[in-house]
C-alpha atoms as a PDB file:
ATOM      1  CA  MET A   1     110.500  86.473 107.897  1.00  0.00           C
ATOM      2  CA  HIS A   2     109.882  90.128 106.078  1.00  0.00           C
ATOM      3  CA  PRO A   3     107.648  89.837 104.173  1.00  0.00           C
ATOM      4  CA  VAL A   4     109.688  92.228 101.859  1.00  0.00           C
ATOM      5  CA  SER A   5     112.676  92.637 101.630  1.00  0.00           C
ATOM      6  CA  LEU A   6     114.971  95.463  99.456  1.00  0.00           C
ATOM      7  CA  ARG A   7     119.186  94.875  99.265  1.00  0.00           C
ATOM      8  CA  LYS A   8     120.536  98.512  97.448  1.00  0.00           C
ATOM      9  CA  ILE A   9     117.624  98.956  94.694  1.00  0.00           C
ATOM     10  CA  ALA A  10     118.356 101.945  91.880  1.00  0.00           C
ATOM     11  CA  LYS A  11     116.470 101.949  88.730  1.00  0.00           C
ATOM     12  CA  VAL A  12     116.876 105.312  86.266  1.00  0.00           C
ATOM     13  CA  TYR A  13     113.943 105.456  83.743  1.00  0.00           C
ATOM     14  CA  HIS A  14     115.198 106.482  80.108  1.00  0.00           C
ATOM     15  CA  LEU A  15     112.960 108.988  78.554  1.00  0.00           C
ATOM     16  CA  ASP A  16     113.371 109.968  74.952  1.00  0.00           C
ATOM     17  CA  ALA A  17     117.093 111.123  75.829  1.00  0.00           C
ATOM     18  CA  VAL A  18     116.371 111.641  78.751  1.00  0.00           C
ATOM     19  CA  THR A  19     117.825 109.756  81.858  1.00  0.00           C
ATOM     20  CA  VAL A  20     116.113 109.638  85.018  1.00  0.00           C
ATOM     21  CA  PRO A  21     117.109 108.631  88.335  1.00  0.00           C
ATOM     22  CA  ALA A  22     113.754 107.286  90.549  1.00  0.00           C
ATOM     23  CA  LEU A  23     115.843 104.978  92.794  1.00  0.00           C
ATOM     24  CA  ALA A  24     119.008 104.534  94.444  1.00  0.00           C
ATOM     25  CA  GLU A  25     120.403 102.203  96.452  1.00  0.00           C
ATOM     26  CA  VAL A  26     117.207 101.425  98.676  1.00  0.00           C
ATOM     27  CA  SER A  27     117.853  99.187 101.662  1.00  0.00           C
ATOM     28  CA  LEU A  28     114.720  97.905 103.642  1.00  0.00           C
ATOM     29  CA  ASP A  29     113.004  95.166 105.623  1.00  0.00           C
ATOM     30  CA  ILE A  30     108.853  96.077 105.929  1.00  0.00           C
ATOM     31  CA  ARG A  31     108.168  94.025 109.036  1.00  0.00           C
ATOM     32  CA  PRO A  32     105.259  91.543 108.871  1.00  0.00           C
ATOM     33  CA  GLY A  33     101.977  92.757 110.401  1.00  0.00           C
ATOM     34  CA  VAL A  34     102.189  96.462 110.515  1.00  0.00           C
ATOM     35  CA  PHE A  35     100.413  99.401 108.236  1.00  0.00           C
ATOM     36  CA  THR A  36     103.182 100.213 106.746  1.00  0.00           C
ATOM     37  CA  VAL A  37     103.366 103.930 105.103  1.00  0.00           C
ATOM     38  CA  LEU A  38     106.042 104.967 102.694  1.00  0.00           C
ATOM     39  CA  SER A  39     105.528 108.532 102.861  1.00  0.00           C
ATOM     40  CA  GLY A  40     107.301 111.565 100.512  1.00  0.00           C
ATOM     41  CA  PRO A  41     106.656 114.928  97.873  1.00  0.00           C
ATOM     42  CA  SER A  42     105.515 114.599  94.313  1.00  0.00           C
ATOM     43  CA  GLY A  43     108.521 112.812  92.333  1.00  0.00           C
ATOM     44  CA  SER A  44     110.755 111.216  95.505  1.00  0.00           C
ATOM     45  CA  GLY A  45     110.149 108.139  94.047  1.00  0.00           C
ATOM     46  CA  LYS A  46     107.373 106.031  96.418  1.00  0.00           C
ATOM     47  CA  THR A  47     105.769 104.937  93.654  1.00  0.00           C
ATOM     48  CA  THR A  48     108.066 103.197  91.678  1.00  0.00           C
ATOM     49  CA  LEU A  49     109.148 102.129  94.693  1.00  0.00           C
ATOM     50  CA  LEU A  50     105.598 100.245  95.753  1.00  0.00           C
ATOM     51  CA  ASN A  51     105.738  98.845  91.481  1.00  0.00           C
ATOM     52  CA  LEU A  52     108.569  97.130  93.196  1.00  0.00           C
ATOM     53  CA  ILE A  53     107.488  95.926  95.967  1.00  0.00           C
ATOM     54  CA  GLY A  54     103.971  94.951  94.388  1.00  0.00           C
ATOM     55  CA  CYS A  55     106.454  93.238  91.341  1.00  0.00           C
ATOM     56  CA  ILE A  56     104.759  95.027  88.426  1.00  0.00           C
ATOM     57  CA  ASP A  57     108.347  96.361  87.586  1.00  0.00           C
ATOM     58  CA  ARG A  58     111.969  95.363  87.879  1.00  0.00           C
ATOM     59  CA  PRO A  59     115.133  97.306  89.371  1.00  0.00           C
ATOM     60  CA  ASP A  60     117.866  98.000  86.991  1.00  0.00           C
ATOM     61  CA  GLU A  61     120.890  97.006  90.553  1.00  0.00           C
ATOM     62  CA  GLY A  62     119.936  95.037  93.426  1.00  0.00           C
ATOM     63  CA  GLU A  63     116.841  92.587  94.535  1.00  0.00           C
ATOM     64  CA  VAL A  64     113.899  92.618  95.758  1.00  0.00           C
ATOM     65  CA  ILE A  65     112.623  89.461  97.791  1.00  0.00           C
ATOM     66  CA  VAL A  66     109.188  88.858  99.088  1.00  0.00           C
ATOM     67  CA  ALA A  67     106.604  86.545 100.734  1.00  0.00           C
ATOM     68  CA  ASP A  68     110.741  84.306 101.268  1.00  0.00           C
ATOM     69  CA  GLN A  69     111.071  84.838  97.151  1.00  0.00           C
ATOM     70  CA  ALA A  70     113.884  86.921  95.309  1.00  0.00           C
ATOM     71  CA  VAL A  71     111.385  87.839  92.249  1.00  0.00           C
ATOM     72  CA  GLN A  72     113.933  90.540  89.999  1.00  0.00           C
ATOM     73  CA  SER A  73     114.731  87.487  87.819  1.00  0.00           C
ATOM     74  CA  MET A  74     110.838  85.447  87.164  1.00  0.00           C
ATOM     75  CA  SER A  75     110.019  85.305  83.791  1.00  0.00           C
ATOM     76  CA  ASP A  76     107.374  87.534  83.202  1.00  0.00           C
ATOM     77  CA  ASP A  77     104.717  85.134  83.280  1.00  0.00           C
ATOM     78  CA  ALA A  78     106.069  83.563  86.583  1.00  0.00           C
ATOM     79  CA  LEU A  79     105.777  87.075  88.544  1.00  0.00           C
ATOM     80  CA  SER A  80     101.973  87.385  86.991  1.00  0.00           C
ATOM     81  CA  ASP A  81     100.615  83.380  88.786  1.00  0.00           C
ATOM     82  CA  PHE A  82     102.848  85.341  92.225  1.00  0.00           C
ATOM     83  CA  ARG A  83     101.081  87.977  92.351  1.00  0.00           C
ATOM     84  CA  ALA A  84      97.954  86.697  92.187  1.00  0.00           C
ATOM     85  CA  ARG A  85      98.433  84.274  94.684  1.00  0.00           C
ATOM     86  CA  HIS A  86     100.760  86.997  97.341  1.00  0.00           C
ATOM     87  CA  ILE A  87      99.631  89.722  96.656  1.00  0.00           C
ATOM     88  CA  GLY A  88      96.224  92.443  96.717  1.00  0.00           C
ATOM     89  CA  PHE A  89      96.980  95.915  95.376  1.00  0.00           C
ATOM     90  CA  VAL A  90      94.524  99.246  95.952  1.00  0.00           C
ATOM     91  CA  PHE A  91      94.109 101.748  93.656  1.00  0.00           C
ATOM     92  CA  GLN A  92      93.508 105.188  93.647  1.00  0.00           C
ATOM     93  CA  THR A  93      91.441 105.109  90.474  1.00  0.00           C
ATOM     94  CA  PHE A  94      90.344 101.829  91.883  1.00  0.00           C
ATOM     95  CA  ASN A  95      90.688  99.767  88.730  1.00  0.00           C
ATOM     96  CA  LEU A  96      86.316  97.866  88.909  1.00  0.00           C
ATOM     97  CA  LEU A  97      85.639  96.601  85.716  1.00  0.00           C
ATOM     98  CA  PRO A  98      82.483  98.614  84.808  1.00  0.00           C
ATOM     99  CA  VAL A  99      80.519  95.584  83.158  1.00  0.00           C
ATOM    100  CA  LEU A 100      80.789  93.396  86.130  1.00  0.00           C
ATOM    101  CA  THR A 101      79.080  94.297  89.785  1.00  0.00           C
ATOM    102  CA  ALA A 102      80.116  95.118  92.769  1.00  0.00           C
ATOM    103  CA  PHE A 103      80.561  90.539  93.905  1.00  0.00           C
ATOM    104  CA  GLU A 104      81.804  90.140  90.036  1.00  0.00           C
ATOM    105  CA  ASN A 105      84.537  92.417  91.344  1.00  0.00           C
ATOM    106  CA  ILE A 106      85.998  90.486  93.977  1.00  0.00           C
ATOM    107  CA  GLU A 107      85.100  87.094  93.049  1.00  0.00           C
ATOM    108  CA  TYR A 108      86.673  87.334  89.462  1.00  0.00           C
ATOM    109  CA  PRO A 109      90.381  86.974  91.893  1.00  0.00           C
ATOM    110  CA  LEU A 110      88.711  83.987  92.701  1.00  0.00           C
ATOM    111  CA  VAL A 111      87.493  83.111  89.445  1.00  0.00           C
ATOM    112  CA  LEU A 112      91.465  83.370  88.076  1.00  0.00           C
ATOM    113  CA  ALA A 113      92.494  80.754  91.309  1.00  0.00           C
ATOM    114  CA  LYS A 114      89.804  78.346  90.336  1.00  0.00           C
ATOM    115  CA  MET A 115      88.184  78.314  93.503  1.00  0.00           C
ATOM    116  CA  PRO A 116      84.700  76.300  93.375  1.00  0.00           C
ATOM    117  CA  ALA A 117      82.054  78.155  93.336  1.00  0.00           C
ATOM    118  CA  ALA A 118      80.588  77.617  96.407  1.00  0.00           C
ATOM    119  CA  ALA A 119      83.441  78.754  98.216  1.00  0.00           C
ATOM    120  CA  ARG A 120      83.937  81.466  95.485  1.00  0.00           C
ATOM    121  CA  LYS A 121      79.836  82.262  96.852  1.00  0.00           C
ATOM    122  CA  LYS A 122      81.400  82.341 100.777  1.00  0.00           C
ATOM    123  CA  ARG A 123      84.316  84.148 100.195  1.00  0.00           C
ATOM    124  CA  VAL A 124      82.890  87.467  98.561  1.00  0.00           C
ATOM    125  CA  LEU A 125      79.913  87.232 100.834  1.00  0.00           C
ATOM    126  CA  GLU A 126      81.701  87.614 103.724  1.00  0.00           C
ATOM    127  CA  LEU A 127      84.143  90.739 102.670  1.00  0.00           C
ATOM    128  CA  LEU A 128      81.008  92.585 101.501  1.00  0.00           C
ATOM    129  CA  ASP A 129      80.010  91.809 104.158  1.00  0.00           C
ATOM    130  CA  ALA A 130      82.910  93.141 106.101  1.00  0.00           C
ATOM    131  CA  VAL A 131      83.540  96.225 103.879  1.00  0.00           C
ATOM    132  CA  GLY A 132      80.276  97.734 105.144  1.00  0.00           C
ATOM    133  CA  LEU A 133      78.294  96.396 100.927  1.00  0.00           C
ATOM    134  CA  ALA A 134      76.131  93.434 101.738  1.00  0.00           C
ATOM    135  CA  GLU A 135      73.539  95.201 100.220  1.00  0.00           C
ATOM    136  CA  ARG A 136      75.191  96.587  97.172  1.00  0.00           C
ATOM    137  CA  GLY A 137      76.435  93.544  95.272  1.00  0.00           C
ATOM    138  CA  ASP A 138      74.540  93.533  92.847  1.00  0.00           C
ATOM    139  CA  SER A 139      76.033  97.033  91.665  1.00  0.00           C
ATOM    140  CA  ARG A 140      77.670  97.932  89.092  1.00  0.00           C
ATOM    141  CA  PRO A 141      80.719 100.661  89.499  1.00  0.00           C
ATOM    142  CA  GLY A 142      78.464 103.644  87.533  1.00  0.00           C
ATOM    143  CA  GLN A 143      75.744 102.963  90.752  1.00  0.00           C
ATOM    144  CA  LEU A 144      78.530 103.310  93.512  1.00  0.00           C
ATOM    145  CA  SER A 145      80.204 106.513  95.246  1.00  0.00           C
ATOM    146  CA  GLY A 146      84.050 106.582  95.452  1.00  0.00           C
ATOM    147  CA  GLY A 147      83.807 105.741  99.295  1.00  0.00           C
ATOM    148  CA  GLN A 148      81.979 102.445  98.128  1.00  0.00           C
ATOM    149  CA  ARG A 149      83.910 101.600  94.990  1.00  0.00           C
ATOM    150  CA  GLN A 150      87.389 102.568  96.919  1.00  0.00           C
ATOM    151  CA  ARG A 151      85.655  99.624  99.581  1.00  0.00           C
ATOM    152  CA  VAL A 152      85.035  96.997  96.325  1.00  0.00           C
ATOM    153  CA  ALA A 153      88.126  97.385  96.158  1.00  0.00           C
ATOM    154  CA  ILE A 154      89.466  96.837  99.125  1.00  0.00           C
ATOM    155  CA  ALA A 155      87.297  93.666  99.245  1.00  0.00           C
ATOM    156  CA  ARG A 156      88.847  92.410  96.140  1.00  0.00           C
ATOM    157  CA  ALA A 157      91.815  93.292  96.940  1.00  0.00           C
ATOM    158  CA  LEU A 158      91.623  90.756  99.493  1.00  0.00           C
ATOM    159  CA  ALA A 159      89.842  87.826  98.840  1.00  0.00           C
ATOM    160  CA  THR A 160      92.695  85.810  97.790  1.00  0.00           C
ATOM    161  CA  ALA A 161      93.658  86.414 101.727  1.00  0.00           C
ATOM    162  CA  PRO A 162      97.690  87.520 100.395  1.00  0.00           C
ATOM    163  CA  LYS A 163      99.600  88.248 102.890  1.00  0.00           C
ATOM    164  CA  LEU A 164     101.045  91.154 101.180  1.00  0.00           C
ATOM    165  CA  VAL A 165      98.184  94.435 100.413  1.00  0.00           C
ATOM    166  CA  LEU A 166      99.872  96.934  98.536  1.00  0.00           C
ATOM    167  CA  ALA A 167      97.754 100.616  98.183  1.00  0.00           C
ATOM    168  CA  ASP A 168      99.331 103.437  95.988  1.00  0.00           C
ATOM    169  CA  GLU A 169      97.292 106.990  97.171  1.00  0.00           C
ATOM    170  CA  PRO A 170      94.387 105.567  98.056  1.00  0.00           C
ATOM    171  CA  THR A 171      92.298 108.506  99.175  1.00  0.00           C
ATOM    172  CA  ALA A 172      93.813 110.946  96.400  1.00  0.00           C
ATOM    173  CA  ASN A 173      89.863 111.085  94.568  1.00  0.00           C
ATOM    174  CA  LEU A 174      88.323 110.872  98.084  1.00  0.00           C
ATOM    175  CA  ASP A 175      87.469 113.937 100.263  1.00  0.00           C
ATOM    176  CA  SER A 176      89.007 114.239 103.476  1.00  0.00           C
ATOM    177  CA  GLN A 177      86.037 112.484 106.140  1.00  0.00           C
ATOM    178  CA  THR A 178      85.198 109.378 103.238  1.00  0.00           C
ATOM    179  CA  GLY A 179      89.230 109.214 103.791  1.00  0.00           C
ATOM    180  CA  ALA A 180      89.330 108.751 106.564  1.00  0.00           C
ATOM    181  CA  ALA A 181      86.384 106.414 107.171  1.00  0.00           C
ATOM    182  CA  ILE A 182      88.018 104.351 104.173  1.00  0.00           C
ATOM    183  CA  ILE A 183      92.047 103.897 106.181  1.00  0.00           C
ATOM    184  CA  ALA A 184      90.048 103.416 109.722  1.00  0.00           C
ATOM    185  CA  LEU A 185      88.493 100.267 107.912  1.00  0.00           C
ATOM    186  CA  MET A 186      91.984  99.046 106.047  1.00  0.00           C
ATOM    187  CA  ARG A 187      93.161  99.496 109.537  1.00  0.00           C
ATOM    188  CA  LYS A 188      90.245  97.412 111.034  1.00  0.00           C
ATOM    189  CA  LEU A 189      90.957  94.324 108.570  1.00  0.00           C
ATOM    190  CA  GLN A 190      94.793  94.905 108.058  1.00  0.00           C
ATOM    191  CA  ARG A 191      94.084  93.502 111.722  1.00  0.00           C
ATOM    192  CA  GLU A 192      91.622  90.653 111.316  1.00  0.00           C
ATOM    193  CA  HIS A 193      93.433  89.415 108.274  1.00  0.00           C
ATOM    194  CA  ASP A 194      97.444  89.555 109.816  1.00  0.00           C
ATOM    195  CA  ALA A 195      98.238  91.741 107.153  1.00  0.00           C
ATOM    196  CA  SER A 196     100.699  93.962 105.713  1.00  0.00           C
ATOM    197  CA  PHE A 197      99.788  96.605 104.342  1.00  0.00           C
ATOM    198  CA  VAL A 198     102.130  98.842 102.683  1.00  0.00           C
ATOM    199  CA  PHE A 199     100.845 102.449 101.348  1.00  0.00           C
ATOM    200  CA  SER A 200     102.363 105.620  99.220  1.00  0.00           C
ATOM    201  CA  SER A 201     100.515 108.515 100.193  1.00  0.00           C
ATOM    202  CA  HIS A 202     101.820 111.988 101.284  1.00  0.00           C
ATOM    203  CA  ASP A 203      98.078 112.500 102.829  1.00  0.00           C
ATOM    204  CA  PRO A 204      98.445 112.935 107.093  1.00  0.00           C
ATOM    205  CA  GLN A 205      95.471 111.137 107.529  1.00  0.00           C
ATOM    206  CA  VAL A 206      97.261 108.192 106.144  1.00  0.00           C
ATOM    207  CA  ARG A 207     101.159 109.151 108.275  1.00  0.00           C
ATOM    208  CA  ALA A 208      98.233 109.311 111.376  1.00  0.00           C
ATOM    209  CA  GLU A 209      97.492 105.410 111.201  1.00  0.00           C
ATOM    210  CA  ALA A 210     101.186 103.985 110.446  1.00  0.00           C
ATOM    211  CA  ASP A 211     102.954 101.478 112.658  1.00  0.00           C
ATOM    212  CA  ASP A 212     106.161 102.514 111.095  1.00  0.00           C
ATOM    213  CA  VAL A 213     106.185 105.437 108.046  1.00  0.00           C
ATOM    214  CA  ILE A 214     108.850 104.869 105.624  1.00  0.00           C
ATOM    215  CA  PHE A 215     110.115 108.580 104.924  1.00  0.00           C
ATOM    216  CA  ILE A 216     111.241 109.058 100.746  1.00  0.00           C
ATOM    217  CA  ARG A 217     113.518 112.002  99.114  1.00  0.00           C
ATOM    218  CA  ASP A 218     115.106 112.010  95.642  1.00  0.00           C
ATOM    219  CA  GLY A 219     114.851 108.452  95.453  1.00  0.00           C
ATOM    220  CA  ARG A 220     116.784 107.786  98.829  1.00  0.00           C
ATOM    221  CA  ILE A 221     115.380 106.096 102.560  1.00  0.00           C
ATOM    222  CA  ALA A 222     115.530 109.645 104.293  1.00  0.00           C
ATOM    223  CA  GLY A 223     114.808 108.038 107.995  1.00  0.00           C
ATOM    224  CA  VAL A 224     112.173 105.742 109.545  1.00  0.00           C
ATOM    225  CA  GLU A 225     109.816 105.686 111.457  1.00  0.00           C
ATOM    226  CA  GLN A 226     108.921 102.376 114.226  1.00  0.00           C
ATOM    227  CA  ARG A 227     106.490 103.864 116.018  1.00  0.00           C
ATOM    228  CA  THR A 228     104.875 102.657 119.612  1.00  0.00           C
ATOM    229  CA  ALA A 229     101.530 101.983 120.124  1.00  0.00           C
ATOM    230  CA  ALA A 230     101.145 105.195 122.572  1.00  0.00           C
ATOM    231  CA  THR A 231     103.039 107.791 119.859  1.00  0.00           C
ATOM    232  CA  GLN A 232     100.812 106.301 117.019  1.00  0.00           C
ATOM    233  CA  GLU A 233      97.792 108.016 119.445  1.00  0.00           C
ATOM    234  CA  ARG A 234      99.691 111.199 119.497  1.00  0.00           C
ATOM    235  CA  ALA A 235     100.413 111.333 116.118  1.00  0.00           C
ATOM    236  CA  ALA A 236      96.260 110.192 114.747  1.00  0.00           C
ATOM    237  CA  SER A 237      94.728 112.899 117.769  1.00  0.00           C
END
């Protein structure tokens, strides 16, 4: 079973009197348990595609299947519940709640999921340790560096153990060294959690780590590269 399947997707945005086609005739399967990058120039449609996969937006035409569910016809409430149970998100602007500590930001989706307090604490402490922030659980986002905030965001995305994690330009606001460390961390966690990670990015560091690269241009799939382990090692070197 593919974690994501798209069939003949089209999406158009209407800005005042102007019609802007974002995606056209996009059909795609995301392989399970791999690190997939949606690659393309700005305006190519990769963020729109990520938003459709993440059930944040709906297509104008076509079918979106996530976790074996056709999601485009779900109600807004049903979609919200579906996202909470099946999808983790990592944003380029981190999207952490500034009044909450790192611990509380990671805990928040578990509170929404009604996980018992003792189980929540155990899960959050495990995730803080996994992202190298075991000693910073009491720190608020304003007391953390950009890389540390992105680590908290990654831990939050994994809190409910989703099998699908989406990231929109996760290294865009980080320097190259910090960005490389974040990508290596996500790669490690993706393998450990056997999750499917799907990124939108034009960062060559991100592309070099991918199992699959989906090239997008002018709202269409321009090509798909599925890499062997040897090819991936050459790309990263």
